[in-house]
Amino acid sequence: PKRDFSSLKTEAFYSQGLKNLSSKMVIEIVSQYIDYYNKERIQTKLNYLSPVKYKKKVA
């Protein structure tokens, strides 16, 4: 969803002051952020669990 891209831009790029990055650096940052988002970042809509922990809980 569009909201997820907003979080990505805000948390992974803007808050870090990152500018003028190579495409390789952008790919690495996005990959790391996706890993963080799925495994560590808690979400209120998932009862304050990360997506991975939530999936394990409801499975």
N, C-alpha and C. Protein backbone atom coordinates (compact mmCIF):
# COMPACT_ATOMS: atom_id res chain seq x y z
N PRO A 1 0.81 -1.20 0.00
CA PRO A 1 0.00 0.00 0.00
C PRO A 1 0.85 1.26 0.00
N LYS A 2 0.24 2.32 -0.43
CA LYS A 2 0.93 3.61 -0.51
C LYS A 2 1.48 4.03 0.85
N ARG A 3 0.76 3.75 1.90
CA ARG A 3 1.18 4.13 3.25
C ARG A 3 2.51 3.48 3.61
N ASP A 4 2.72 2.24 3.18
CA ASP A 4 3.97 1.55 3.48
C ASP A 4 5.15 2.24 2.82
N PHE A 5 4.96 2.76 1.61
CA PHE A 5 6.04 3.49 0.95
C PHE A 5 6.34 4.79 1.68
N SER A 6 5.31 5.39 2.26
CA SER A 6 5.52 6.60 3.04
C SER A 6 6.38 6.29 4.26
N SER A 7 6.09 5.19 4.93
CA SER A 7 6.90 4.78 6.08
C SER A 7 8.33 4.50 5.66
N LEU A 8 8.49 3.83 4.55
CA LEU A 8 9.83 3.52 4.04
C LEU A 8 10.61 4.80 3.79
N LYS A 9 10.01 5.73 3.08
CA LYS A 9 10.71 6.98 2.78
C LYS A 9 11.06 7.76 4.05
N THR A 10 10.10 7.85 4.96
CA THR A 10 10.32 8.61 6.18
C THR A 10 11.35 7.95 7.09
N GLU A 11 11.19 6.65 7.34
CA GLU A 11 12.04 5.97 8.31
C GLU A 11 13.41 5.59 7.76
N ALA A 12 13.49 5.23 6.50
CA ALA A 12 14.76 4.73 5.95
C ALA A 12 15.58 5.80 5.24
N PHE A 13 14.94 6.84 4.75
CA PHE A 13 15.69 7.83 3.98
C PHE A 13 15.67 9.21 4.61
N TYR A 14 14.49 9.81 4.77
CA TYR A 14 14.40 11.19 5.23
C TYR A 14 14.98 11.37 6.63
N SER A 15 14.63 10.48 7.55
CA SER A 15 15.10 10.63 8.92
C SER A 15 16.61 10.44 9.04
N GLN A 16 17.20 9.76 8.07
CA GLN A 16 18.64 9.53 8.07
C GLN A 16 19.39 10.60 7.28
N GLY A 17 18.65 11.47 6.61
CA GLY A 17 19.28 12.52 5.82
C GLY A 17 20.03 11.98 4.61
N LEU A 18 19.55 10.89 4.07
CA LEU A 18 20.24 10.25 2.95
C LEU A 18 19.85 10.91 1.63
N LYS A 19 20.86 11.29 0.85
CA LYS A 19 20.64 11.93 -0.44
C LYS A 19 21.70 11.44 -1.41
N ASN A 20 21.43 11.58 -2.68
CA ASN A 20 22.39 11.25 -3.73
C ASN A 20 22.98 9.85 -3.59
N LEU A 21 22.10 8.87 -3.47
CA LEU A 21 22.52 7.49 -3.30
C LEU A 21 22.60 6.77 -4.64
N SER A 22 23.50 5.84 -4.74
CA SER A 22 23.57 5.00 -5.94
C SER A 22 22.40 4.01 -5.89
N SER A 23 22.06 3.45 -7.04
CA SER A 23 20.97 2.48 -7.08
C SER A 23 21.29 1.27 -6.22
N LYS A 24 22.54 0.88 -6.16
CA LYS A 24 22.96 -0.25 -5.32
C LYS A 24 22.70 0.05 -3.85
N MET A 25 22.99 1.27 -3.42
CA MET A 25 22.76 1.66 -2.03
C MET A 25 21.27 1.70 -1.72
N VAL A 26 20.47 2.19 -2.66
CA VAL A 26 19.02 2.24 -2.46
C VAL A 26 18.47 0.83 -2.31
N ILE A 27 18.91 -0.08 -3.16
CA ILE A 27 18.44 -1.47 -3.09
C ILE A 27 18.80 -2.08 -1.74
N GLU A 28 19.99 -1.83 -1.24
CA GLU A 28 20.41 -2.37 0.05
C GLU A 28 19.58 -1.78 1.19
N ILE A 29 19.35 -0.48 1.16
CA ILE A 29 18.56 0.17 2.20
C ILE A 29 17.13 -0.34 2.20
N VAL A 30 16.53 -0.47 1.03
CA VAL A 30 15.15 -0.97 0.92
C VAL A 30 15.08 -2.41 1.41
N SER A 31 16.04 -3.23 1.03
CA SER A 31 16.06 -4.62 1.48
C SER A 31 16.14 -4.71 3.00
N GLN A 32 17.01 -3.92 3.59
CA GLN A 32 17.14 -3.90 5.05
C GLN A 32 15.86 -3.41 5.72
N TYR A 33 15.23 -2.40 5.13
CA TYR A 33 14.00 -1.86 5.71
C TYR A 33 12.87 -2.89 5.64
N ILE A 34 12.75 -3.60 4.54
CA ILE A 34 11.71 -4.62 4.41
C ILE A 34 11.90 -5.70 5.47
N ASP A 35 13.14 -6.11 5.68
CA ASP A 35 13.44 -7.11 6.70
C ASP A 35 13.05 -6.58 8.08
N TYR A 36 13.43 -5.35 8.38
CA TYR A 36 13.06 -4.72 9.65
C TYR A 36 11.54 -4.61 9.79
N TYR A 37 10.88 -4.15 8.75
CA TYR A 37 9.43 -3.93 8.77
C TYR A 37 8.68 -5.23 9.06
N ASN A 38 9.12 -6.31 8.45
CA ASN A 38 8.43 -7.59 8.61
C ASN A 38 8.78 -8.31 9.91
N LYS A 39 10.01 -8.16 10.37
CA LYS A 39 10.45 -8.95 11.52
C LYS A 39 10.47 -8.21 12.85
N GLU A 40 10.61 -6.90 12.84
CA GLU A 40 10.81 -6.17 14.09
C GLU A 40 9.81 -5.06 14.37
N ARG A 41 9.39 -4.35 13.35
CA ARG A 41 8.57 -3.15 13.54
C ARG A 41 7.16 -3.54 13.99
N ILE A 42 6.80 -3.13 15.21
CA ILE A 42 5.47 -3.47 15.71
C ILE A 42 4.42 -2.60 15.03
N GLN A 43 3.22 -3.14 14.94
CA GLN A 43 2.12 -2.43 14.29
C GLN A 43 0.87 -2.53 15.15
N THR A 44 0.24 -1.40 15.38
CA THR A 44 -0.95 -1.40 16.22
C THR A 44 -2.05 -2.27 15.64
N LYS A 45 -2.19 -2.28 14.33
CA LYS A 45 -3.26 -3.07 13.70
C LYS A 45 -3.04 -4.57 13.85
N LEU A 46 -1.84 -4.96 14.27
CA LEU A 46 -1.52 -6.38 14.48
C LEU A 46 -1.32 -6.66 15.97
N ASN A 47 -2.07 -5.97 16.79
CA ASN A 47 -1.98 -6.13 18.25
C ASN A 47 -0.57 -5.90 18.78
N TYR A 48 0.08 -4.90 18.25
CA TYR A 48 1.42 -4.50 18.68
C TYR A 48 2.47 -5.60 18.49
N LEU A 49 2.32 -6.34 17.40
CA LEU A 49 3.29 -7.36 17.01
C LEU A 49 3.85 -7.00 15.64
N SER A 50 5.00 -7.56 15.32
CA SER A 50 5.53 -7.42 13.96
C SER A 50 4.72 -8.35 13.06
N PRO A 51 4.72 -8.14 11.75
CA PRO A 51 3.99 -9.03 10.85
C PRO A 51 4.39 -10.50 10.99
N VAL A 52 5.67 -10.78 11.15
CA VAL A 52 6.12 -12.17 11.28
C VAL A 52 5.60 -12.79 12.58
N LYS A 53 5.71 -12.06 13.68
CA LYS A 53 5.23 -12.58 14.96
C LYS A 53 3.71 -12.75 14.94
N TYR A 54 3.01 -11.83 14.31
CA TYR A 54 1.56 -11.93 14.22
C TYR A 54 1.15 -13.16 13.41
N LYS A 55 1.82 -13.38 12.30
CA LYS A 55 1.50 -14.54 11.46
C LYS A 55 1.72 -15.84 12.22
N LYS A 56 2.80 -15.91 12.99
CA LYS A 56 3.07 -17.11 13.79
C LYS A 56 2.00 -17.31 14.85
N LYS A 57 1.54 -16.21 15.44
CA LYS A 57 0.55 -16.29 16.51
C LYS A 57 -0.81 -16.77 16.00
N VAL A 58 -1.21 -16.32 14.82
CA VAL A 58 -2.54 -16.67 14.31
C VAL A 58 -2.53 -17.96 13.49
N ALA A 59 -1.37 -18.48 13.18
CA ALA A 59 -1.28 -19.70 12.36
C ALA A 59 -1.63 -20.93 13.14
